[in-house]
């Protein structure tokens, strides 16, 4: 399993150009040449275009400031050998347990992923994996001089790792994964709240016995704690405006679950965008708080009328939280839009097209959900057959053993050498 870490794998270097020879840059008190490569681009119906690419020791030059004799180069781990995305997965495909999994992760260079493992022995492991530059005395948040004072000293070998943690579970959800005191950080993220991770941690910390069905419920969890905290603001008062009162009542009676058919979720999601901070704290009088809430509701309702029409009874969250599957070239091959529960910061994130649940007691009992279909060929019965079930949070068997696969096979493609 994996989610993005966000490791800072690149740095911008400001190279000092030699005023007397702009193909040289300053390095440790002297001048060294740039690598200059000429390339010819053939143009249909026109003259060929010759382009000049320049490289410093740090990487390609992407901008030159000729007036100030400066050039900007990008150094990135993606220029390192073996940094093709997911290449190291070939090694992980043949490991036998989580200890071997962790031993292979130094070969994982890109992309930056929370690599999580579980095995049939009951072990679990995690590492914030990627080729991560070691910067001694600097953090990489700003461009640095390319003259030699700010160089990488290899790749870090102290990446955050866990193996069979005491809590009994490991989870990631694009959150800040730095352990307490970990320095220097691998990246910088704004904000301190990560509602998807916090919800997963809440559910997993509530017990120690979980079934495959429990895992399905967690993956499709559409509860938002932030919304639950706001609901009391809409309780205990009545608006004299019928439309505002109807919306207030819907939110007040809502359970903070973003189901696709939920009218209250659609209303709240628009209203919360207009909730001022003062609405959530004590103000001079209840009437002042009520005025702020009524204004926020009015503004949210106006947005809903613009996006979902004037019939407020037809409003639902799925009309906002939709996934579209347009074909890149031909509209006739588009797959119909799917309305979904979740999104809005819930565990059931809108961006996750593939989810799996592995049953180590019976691998053939494993399940998965995916969209829109297994085939990329329009006209195939498997081109878009998974879209609706994916939108409904339904799973299909993820078979593993050969007998199970053979028993469920519907088609067979046989490849033979030429001449046979």
Protein backbone atom coordinates (compact mmCIF):
# COMPACT_ATOMS: atom_id res chain seq x y z
CA UNK A 1 0.00 0.00 0.00
CA UNK A 2 1.14 3.56 -0.54
CA UNK A 3 0.24 7.25 -0.37
CA UNK A 4 2.37 10.24 -1.32
CA UNK A 5 4.97 11.47 1.20
CA UNK A 6 5.93 14.74 -0.50
CA UNK A 7 9.71 14.57 0.04
CA UNK A 8 11.59 17.58 -1.33
CA UNK A 9 13.75 15.93 -3.98
CA UNK A 10 14.89 19.02 -5.91
CA UNK A 11 16.87 22.21 -5.43
CA UNK A 12 17.36 25.32 -7.53
CA UNK A 13 20.97 26.43 -7.86
CA UNK A 14 21.89 29.99 -8.85
CA UNK A 15 24.96 29.73 -11.05
CA UNK A 16 27.29 32.75 -11.51
CA UNK A 17 28.09 33.17 -15.20
CA UNK A 18 31.50 34.36 -16.31
CA UNK A 19 30.93 37.86 -17.80
CA UNK A 20 33.75 37.16 -20.26
CA UNK A 21 32.47 33.72 -21.23
CA UNK A 22 28.79 32.93 -20.51
CA UNK A 23 29.38 29.21 -21.05
CA UNK A 24 31.38 29.10 -17.79
CA UNK A 25 30.09 29.19 -14.20
CA UNK A 26 31.77 29.88 -10.88
CA UNK A 27 32.77 26.78 -8.88
CA UNK A 28 34.87 26.87 -5.70
CA UNK A 29 36.73 30.02 -6.62
CA UNK A 30 37.34 29.14 -10.27
CA UNK A 31 35.41 28.80 -13.51
CA UNK A 32 34.17 25.55 -15.03
CA UNK A 33 32.47 25.01 -18.40
CA UNK A 34 28.80 24.30 -18.89
CA UNK A 35 27.90 21.32 -21.00
CA UNK A 36 26.25 22.66 -24.15
CA UNK A 37 24.19 20.36 -26.37
CA UNK A 38 22.73 21.42 -29.70
CA UNK A 39 19.59 19.70 -30.89
CA UNK A 40 17.72 20.10 -34.15
CA UNK A 41 13.93 19.97 -34.23
CA UNK A 42 12.43 19.26 -37.63
CA UNK A 43 9.37 21.41 -38.34
CA UNK A 44 6.74 20.25 -40.83
CA UNK A 45 6.38 22.85 -43.55
CA UNK A 46 9.12 25.04 -42.09
CA UNK A 47 12.81 25.36 -41.44
CA UNK A 48 14.45 23.16 -38.81
CA UNK A 49 14.92 24.83 -35.42
CA UNK A 50 18.20 24.44 -33.56
CA UNK A 51 17.88 24.58 -29.77
CA UNK A 52 20.70 24.92 -27.29
CA UNK A 53 20.51 23.05 -23.98
CA UNK A 54 22.95 23.94 -21.21
CA UNK A 55 23.84 21.91 -18.14
CA UNK A 56 25.85 22.77 -15.05
CA UNK A 57 27.16 20.16 -12.61
CA UNK A 58 23.85 20.60 -10.79
CA UNK A 59 21.55 19.94 -13.73
CA UNK A 60 19.79 21.61 -16.66
CA UNK A 61 19.76 25.39 -16.94
CA UNK A 62 16.13 26.49 -17.14
CA UNK A 63 16.61 30.28 -17.08
CA UNK A 64 19.41 32.74 -17.79
CA UNK A 65 19.55 36.31 -16.45
CA UNK A 66 22.09 37.73 -18.86
CA UNK A 67 21.89 41.23 -17.39
CA UNK A 68 23.04 40.02 -13.98
CA UNK A 69 25.20 37.15 -15.29
CA UNK A 70 23.18 34.46 -13.52
CA UNK A 71 21.76 31.13 -14.60
CA UNK A 72 19.30 28.91 -12.75
CA UNK A 73 19.80 25.13 -12.70
CA UNK A 74 17.66 22.36 -11.28
CA UNK A 75 19.23 19.52 -9.35
CA UNK A 76 16.82 16.67 -8.75
CA UNK A 77 16.97 13.07 -7.66
CA UNK A 78 15.06 12.25 -10.85
CA UNK A 79 18.36 12.79 -12.67
CA UNK A 80 19.96 9.99 -10.63
CA UNK A 81 20.48 6.53 -12.18
CA UNK A 82 17.66 4.13 -11.38
CA UNK A 83 15.18 6.89 -10.54
CA UNK A 84 12.49 5.80 -13.00
CA UNK A 85 9.20 5.92 -11.15
CA UNK A 86 8.17 2.66 -9.43
CA UNK A 87 11.15 0.78 -10.90
CA UNK A 88 12.01 -0.73 -7.53
CA UNK A 89 8.58 -2.36 -7.41
CA UNK A 90 10.19 -5.14 -9.43
CA UNK A 91 12.27 -5.98 -6.36
CA UNK A 92 9.31 -5.74 -4.00
CA UNK A 93 7.29 -8.19 -6.08
CA UNK A 94 9.51 -11.06 -4.94
CA UNK A 95 10.03 -10.34 -1.23
CA UNK A 96 8.63 -12.87 1.24
CA UNK A 97 7.90 -10.77 4.32
CA UNK A 98 7.95 -7.25 5.72
CA UNK A 99 11.55 -7.43 6.93
CA UNK A 100 12.72 -8.23 3.40
CA UNK A 101 10.40 -5.49 2.15
CA UNK A 102 12.11 -2.87 4.29
CA UNK A 103 15.55 -4.13 3.26
CA UNK A 104 14.72 -3.52 -0.40
CA UNK A 105 13.33 0.00 0.06
CA UNK A 106 16.70 1.81 -0.26
CA UNK A 107 16.39 0.99 -3.96
CA UNK A 108 13.06 2.88 -4.12
CA UNK A 109 14.02 6.29 -5.50
CA UNK A 110 10.80 7.66 -6.95
CA UNK A 111 8.12 8.72 -6.49
CA UNK A 112 8.02 9.73 -2.82
CA UNK A 113 5.72 7.19 -1.21
CA UNK A 114 4.65 5.91 2.18
CA UNK A 115 5.49 2.27 1.54
CA UNK A 116 3.42 0.00 3.78
CA UNK A 117 3.68 -3.77 4.12
CA UNK A 118 1.72 -6.52 5.80
CA UNK A 119 2.61 -10.22 5.65
CA UNK A 120 1.12 -13.60 6.48
CA UNK A 121 3.19 -13.76 9.65
CA UNK A 122 1.27 -10.84 11.13
CA UNK A 123 4.05 -8.29 10.65
CA UNK A 124 3.49 -4.71 9.47
CA UNK A 125 6.06 -2.18 8.33
CA UNK A 126 6.37 1.32 6.89
CA UNK A 127 8.96 3.69 5.49
CA UNK A 128 8.72 7.18 4.02
CA UNK A 129 10.55 6.07 0.90
CA UNK A 130 12.33 7.96 -1.87
CA UNK A 131 15.76 9.20 -2.81
CA UNK A 132 16.03 12.00 -0.23
CA UNK A 133 18.91 14.51 -0.52
CA UNK A 134 21.13 14.98 2.52
CA UNK A 135 21.55 18.73 3.02
CA UNK A 136 24.01 19.58 5.78
CA UNK A 137 23.22 22.92 7.42
CA UNK A 138 20.50 24.02 4.99
CA UNK A 139 16.92 22.99 4.27
CA UNK A 140 16.38 23.49 0.53
CA UNK A 141 13.38 25.80 0.81
CA UNK A 142 15.04 28.58 -1.20
CA UNK A 143 17.41 28.74 -4.21
CA UNK A 144 21.05 28.43 -3.18
CA UNK A 145 24.37 29.52 -4.74
CA UNK A 146 25.93 26.99 -7.09
CA UNK A 147 29.47 27.92 -6.11
CA UNK A 148 30.07 24.90 -3.86
CA UNK A 149 28.84 25.87 -0.41
CA UNK A 150 25.45 24.17 -0.68
CA UNK A 151 25.94 20.68 -2.00
CA UNK A 152 24.19 17.41 -1.33
CA UNK A 153 26.29 14.96 0.67
CA UNK A 154 24.65 11.85 -0.68
CA UNK A 155 21.19 10.50 0.09
CA UNK A 156 19.67 10.14 3.54
CA UNK A 157 19.62 6.74 5.21
CA UNK A 158 17.61 7.86 8.26
CA UNK A 159 14.17 7.85 6.66
CA UNK A 160 11.23 7.44 9.08
CA UNK A 161 10.50 3.73 9.51
CA UNK A 162 8.25 1.54 11.62
CA UNK A 163 8.13 -2.22 12.12
CA UNK A 164 5.41 -3.77 14.28
CA UNK A 165 4.67 -0.58 16.26
CA UNK A 166 3.12 -0.99 19.71
CA UNK A 167 -0.14 0.64 18.68
CA UNK A 168 -0.77 -2.37 16.42
CA UNK A 169 -1.51 -0.49 13.21
CA UNK A 170 0.11 1.79 10.62
CA UNK A 171 -1.76 4.39 8.61
CA UNK A 172 -0.94 7.20 6.20
CA UNK A 173 -3.24 9.62 4.39
CA UNK A 174 -0.98 12.28 2.83
CA UNK A 175 -0.42 13.59 6.35
CA UNK A 176 2.71 14.92 8.01
CA UNK A 177 4.60 11.70 8.69
CA UNK A 178 7.60 13.20 10.53
CA UNK A 179 8.20 11.50 13.90
CA UNK A 180 8.58 13.88 16.88
CA UNK A 181 11.97 15.57 16.77
CA UNK A 182 12.86 14.37 13.26
CA UNK A 183 15.25 16.95 11.83
CA UNK A 184 15.89 18.19 9.25
CA UNK A 185 12.41 17.53 7.81
CA UNK A 186 11.89 15.76 4.50
CA UNK A 187 9.37 18.39 3.41
CA UNK A 188 7.30 21.30 4.67
CA UNK A 189 3.50 21.08 4.79
CA UNK A 190 1.12 23.86 5.67
CA UNK A 191 -1.48 23.27 8.36
CA UNK A 192 -1.64 21.04 11.38
CA UNK A 193 -4.88 19.15 10.77
CA UNK A 194 -5.13 16.06 8.59
CA UNK A 195 -8.77 14.93 8.91
CA UNK A 196 -8.44 11.75 6.83
CA UNK A 197 -5.54 10.45 8.90
CA UNK A 198 -7.17 11.55 12.14
CA UNK A 199 -10.34 9.65 11.27
CA UNK A 200 -8.41 6.49 10.35
CA UNK A 201 -6.43 6.72 13.60
CA UNK A 202 -9.66 7.18 15.57
CA UNK A 203 -11.27 4.08 14.06
CA UNK A 204 -8.21 1.84 14.30
CA UNK A 205 -7.48 2.89 17.88
CA UNK A 206 -10.98 1.91 19.02
CA UNK A 207 -10.27 -1.83 19.05
CA UNK A 208 -7.95 -4.60 17.96
CA UNK A 209 -10.22 -7.02 16.08
CA UNK A 210 -11.12 -5.99 12.54
CA UNK A 211 -12.72 -7.97 9.76
CA UNK A 212 -12.57 -7.56 6.02
CA UNK A 213 -16.01 -5.91 6.21
CA UNK A 214 -14.68 -3.44 8.78
CA UNK A 215 -11.91 -2.53 6.34
CA UNK A 216 -14.46 -1.89 3.61
CA UNK A 217 -16.40 0.43 5.91
CA UNK A 218 -13.23 2.31 6.83
CA UNK A 219 -12.09 2.75 3.23
CA UNK A 220 -15.54 4.11 2.32
CA UNK A 221 -15.91 6.17 5.51
CA UNK A 222 -17.57 9.50 4.65
CA UNK A 223 -17.78 11.01 8.16
CA UNK A 224 -16.22 14.45 8.66
CA UNK A 225 -15.39 15.47 12.24
CA UNK A 226 -15.14 19.13 11.26
CA UNK A 227 -18.75 19.05 10.10
CA UNK A 228 -19.85 17.28 13.29
CA UNK A 229 -18.22 20.04 15.32
CA UNK A 230 -20.13 22.71 13.36
CA UNK A 231 -23.58 21.09 13.57
CA UNK A 232 -24.36 22.46 17.08
CA UNK A 233 -24.07 25.98 15.61
CA UNK A 234 -27.23 25.28 13.65
CA UNK A 235 -29.23 23.83 16.55
CA UNK A 236 -31.40 25.56 19.12
CA UNK A 237 -32.68 28.48 17.07
CA UNK A 238 -35.12 29.22 14.25
CA UNK A 239 -34.84 31.58 11.30
CA UNK A 240 -37.76 33.69 10.12
CA UNK A 241 -36.61 33.22 6.52
CA UNK A 242 -38.26 29.98 5.24
CA UNK A 243 -35.41 29.03 2.89
CA UNK A 244 -32.75 29.69 5.51
CA UNK A 245 -34.77 27.80 8.14
CA UNK A 246 -35.18 24.80 5.83
CA UNK A 247 -31.41 24.66 5.29
CA UNK A 248 -30.61 25.24 8.97
CA UNK A 249 -32.92 22.40 9.98
CA UNK A 250 -31.37 20.05 7.42
CA UNK A 251 -27.87 20.70 8.79
CA UNK A 252 -29.00 20.55 12.42
CA UNK A 253 -30.45 17.05 11.91
CA UNK A 254 -27.56 15.77 9.78
CA UNK A 255 -25.09 13.10 10.96
CA UNK A 256 -21.98 14.68 9.32
CA UNK A 257 -21.70 11.81 6.82
CA UNK A 258 -21.13 12.85 3.21
CA UNK A 259 -23.37 10.32 1.45
CA UNK A 260 -23.90 11.02 -2.23
CA UNK A 261 -27.68 11.16 -1.77
CA UNK A 262 -27.42 13.55 1.20
CA UNK A 263 -29.15 16.89 0.74
CA UNK A 264 -27.79 18.18 4.06
CA UNK A 265 -24.19 17.44 3.01
CA UNK A 266 -24.66 19.46 -0.19
CA UNK A 267 -26.05 22.39 1.80
CA UNK A 268 -23.44 22.30 4.57
CA UNK A 269 -20.53 22.03 2.13
CA UNK A 270 -21.54 25.34 0.54
CA UNK A 271 -22.47 27.04 3.80
CA UNK A 272 -19.20 26.16 5.55
CA UNK A 273 -17.27 28.15 2.96
CA UNK A 274 -18.94 31.29 4.32
CA UNK A 275 -18.82 30.55 8.05
CA UNK A 276 -16.76 33.30 9.73
CA UNK A 277 -14.50 32.39 12.62
CA UNK A 278 -16.68 34.52 14.91
CA UNK A 279 -19.60 32.12 14.41
CA UNK A 280 -17.79 29.43 16.35
CA UNK A 281 -16.88 31.47 19.42
CA UNK A 282 -18.75 33.48 22.02
CA UNK A 283 -19.87 36.84 20.65
CA UNK A 284 -21.60 39.82 22.20
CA UNK A 285 -25.07 38.26 21.86
CA UNK A 286 -26.77 35.20 20.46
CA UNK A 287 -28.50 37.46 17.95
CA UNK A 288 -25.12 38.46 16.53
CA UNK A 289 -24.11 34.80 16.13
CA UNK A 290 -27.44 34.03 14.51
CA UNK A 291 -27.02 36.87 12.05
CA UNK A 292 -23.63 35.55 11.00
CA UNK A 293 -25.02 32.04 10.53
CA UNK A 294 -28.06 33.23 8.60
CA UNK A 295 -25.82 35.22 6.27
CA UNK A 296 -23.56 32.21 5.71
CA UNK A 297 -26.58 30.02 4.97
CA UNK A 298 -27.98 32.58 2.52
CA UNK A 299 -24.67 32.80 0.68
CA UNK A 300 -24.36 29.01 0.53
CA UNK A 301 -27.92 28.63 -0.78
CA UNK A 302 -27.25 31.13 -3.53
CA UNK A 303 -24.26 29.10 -4.68
CA UNK A 304 -26.29 25.90 -4.63
CA UNK A 305 -29.02 27.49 -6.74
CA UNK A 306 -26.38 28.44 -9.29
CA UNK A 307 -24.81 24.97 -9.41
CA UNK A 308 -27.76 22.63 -8.79
CA UNK A 309 -30.82 24.67 -9.75
CA UNK A 310 -33.72 26.25 -7.91
CA UNK A 311 -35.42 23.02 -6.81
CA UNK A 312 -33.88 22.65 -3.38
CA UNK A 313 -35.41 19.22 -2.84
CA UNK A 314 -33.32 17.83 -5.71
CA UNK A 315 -30.04 19.00 -4.21
CA UNK A 316 -27.68 16.20 -3.18
CA UNK A 317 -23.98 15.85 -2.41
CA UNK A 318 -23.34 13.49 -5.33
CA UNK A 319 -24.19 16.22 -7.82
CA UNK A 320 -21.22 18.16 -6.42
CA UNK A 321 -18.92 15.23 -5.67
CA UNK A 322 -18.70 13.65 -9.11
CA UNK A 323 -16.03 11.78 -11.04
CA UNK A 324 -15.91 12.22 -14.80
CA UNK A 325 -14.28 9.88 -17.31
CA UNK A 326 -13.88 11.79 -20.57
CA UNK A 327 -12.01 10.15 -23.44
CA UNK A 328 -8.94 12.15 -24.42
CA UNK A 329 -9.96 12.43 -28.08
CA UNK A 330 -13.44 11.09 -28.85
CA UNK A 331 -16.52 12.22 -26.92
CA UNK A 332 -18.48 9.12 -27.96
CA UNK A 333 -16.10 7.06 -25.84
CA UNK A 334 -16.76 9.06 -22.66
CA UNK A 335 -17.90 7.01 -19.69
CA UNK A 336 -20.92 8.45 -17.81
CA UNK A 337 -20.21 10.60 -14.78
CA UNK A 338 -20.38 8.84 -11.42
CA UNK A 339 -21.75 10.47 -8.27
CA UNK A 340 -19.87 9.49 -5.12
CA UNK A 341 -20.03 9.65 -1.36
CA UNK A 342 -17.05 10.98 0.55
CA UNK A 343 -14.64 13.64 -0.63
CA UNK A 344 -14.51 16.93 1.29
CA UNK A 345 -11.65 15.70 3.50
CA UNK A 346 -13.18 12.34 4.46
CA UNK A 347 -11.38 8.99 4.35
CA UNK A 348 -13.31 8.17 1.17
CA UNK A 349 -11.15 10.59 -0.80
CA UNK A 350 -12.36 11.46 -4.29
CA UNK A 351 -8.89 10.97 -5.81
CA UNK A 352 -8.49 7.30 -4.91
CA UNK A 353 -9.45 5.19 -7.92
CA UNK A 354 -8.03 1.92 -6.60
CA UNK A 355 -8.42 0.35 -3.17
CA UNK A 356 -7.62 -3.17 -2.04
CA UNK A 357 -8.10 -5.27 1.08
CA UNK A 358 -5.85 -8.33 1.42
CA UNK A 359 -6.97 -11.30 3.51
CA UNK A 360 -3.77 -13.10 4.54
CA UNK A 361 -5.77 -15.98 5.99
CA UNK A 362 -7.27 -16.65 2.55
CA UNK A 363 -5.70 -14.68 -0.26
CA UNK A 364 -8.55 -15.59 -2.62
CA UNK A 365 -10.94 -13.79 -0.27
CA UNK A 366 -9.15 -10.48 -0.97
CA UNK A 367 -11.16 -7.75 -2.65
CA UNK A 368 -10.57 -4.52 -4.54
CA UNK A 369 -12.40 -1.63 -6.13
CA UNK A 370 -11.26 0.24 -9.21
CA UNK A 371 -12.50 2.55 -11.96
CA UNK A 372 -13.61 2.82 -14.64
CA UNK A 373 -12.78 -0.66 -16.08
CA UNK A 374 -9.98 -3.13 -16.68
CA UNK A 375 -9.88 -2.59 -20.44
CA UNK A 376 -8.76 0.58 -22.17
CA UNK A 377 -10.47 -0.41 -25.42
CA UNK A 378 -13.80 1.28 -26.12
CA UNK A 379 -16.40 -1.31 -27.01
CA UNK A 380 -15.02 -3.90 -24.63
CA UNK A 381 -17.52 -5.03 -21.97
CA UNK A 382 -14.77 -4.24 -19.47
CA UNK A 383 -14.15 -0.67 -20.65
CA UNK A 384 -16.40 0.99 -18.06
CA UNK A 385 -18.06 -1.86 -16.19
CA UNK A 386 -16.49 -0.98 -12.83
CA UNK A 387 -17.47 2.69 -12.71
CA UNK A 388 -20.90 2.29 -11.10
CA UNK A 389 -19.77 -0.25 -8.50
CA UNK A 390 -16.77 1.96 -7.69
CA UNK A 391 -19.09 4.90 -7.16
CA UNK A 392 -21.24 2.76 -4.87
CA UNK A 393 -18.26 1.54 -2.83
CA UNK A 394 -18.73 -2.05 -3.98
CA UNK A 395 -15.81 -4.50 -4.28
CA UNK A 396 -14.88 -7.31 -6.66
CA UNK A 397 -12.85 -10.47 -5.88
CA UNK A 398 -9.08 -10.03 -6.10
CA UNK A 399 -8.16 -13.64 -6.76
CA UNK A 400 -4.63 -14.89 -6.17
CA UNK A 401 -4.21 -18.64 -6.56
CA UNK A 402 -4.15 -20.21 -10.01
CA UNK A 403 -7.14 -22.53 -9.39
CA UNK A 404 -9.29 -19.59 -8.29
CA UNK A 405 -8.27 -17.51 -11.30
CA UNK A 406 -8.84 -20.39 -13.72
CA UNK A 407 -12.29 -21.03 -12.25
CA UNK A 408 -13.37 -17.43 -12.80
CA UNK A 409 -11.70 -16.85 -16.19
CA UNK A 410 -14.06 -15.58 -18.88
CA UNK A 411 -11.60 -15.07 -21.74
CA UNK A 412 -8.15 -16.32 -22.58
CA UNK A 413 -5.57 -14.60 -24.79
CA UNK A 414 -2.91 -16.95 -26.15
CA UNK A 415 0.33 -15.50 -27.53
CA UNK A 416 2.36 -17.80 -29.80
CA UNK A 417 5.70 -17.28 -31.56
CA UNK A 418 5.43 -16.54 -35.28
CA UNK A 419 5.14 -19.59 -37.54
CA UNK A 420 3.30 -21.78 -35.05
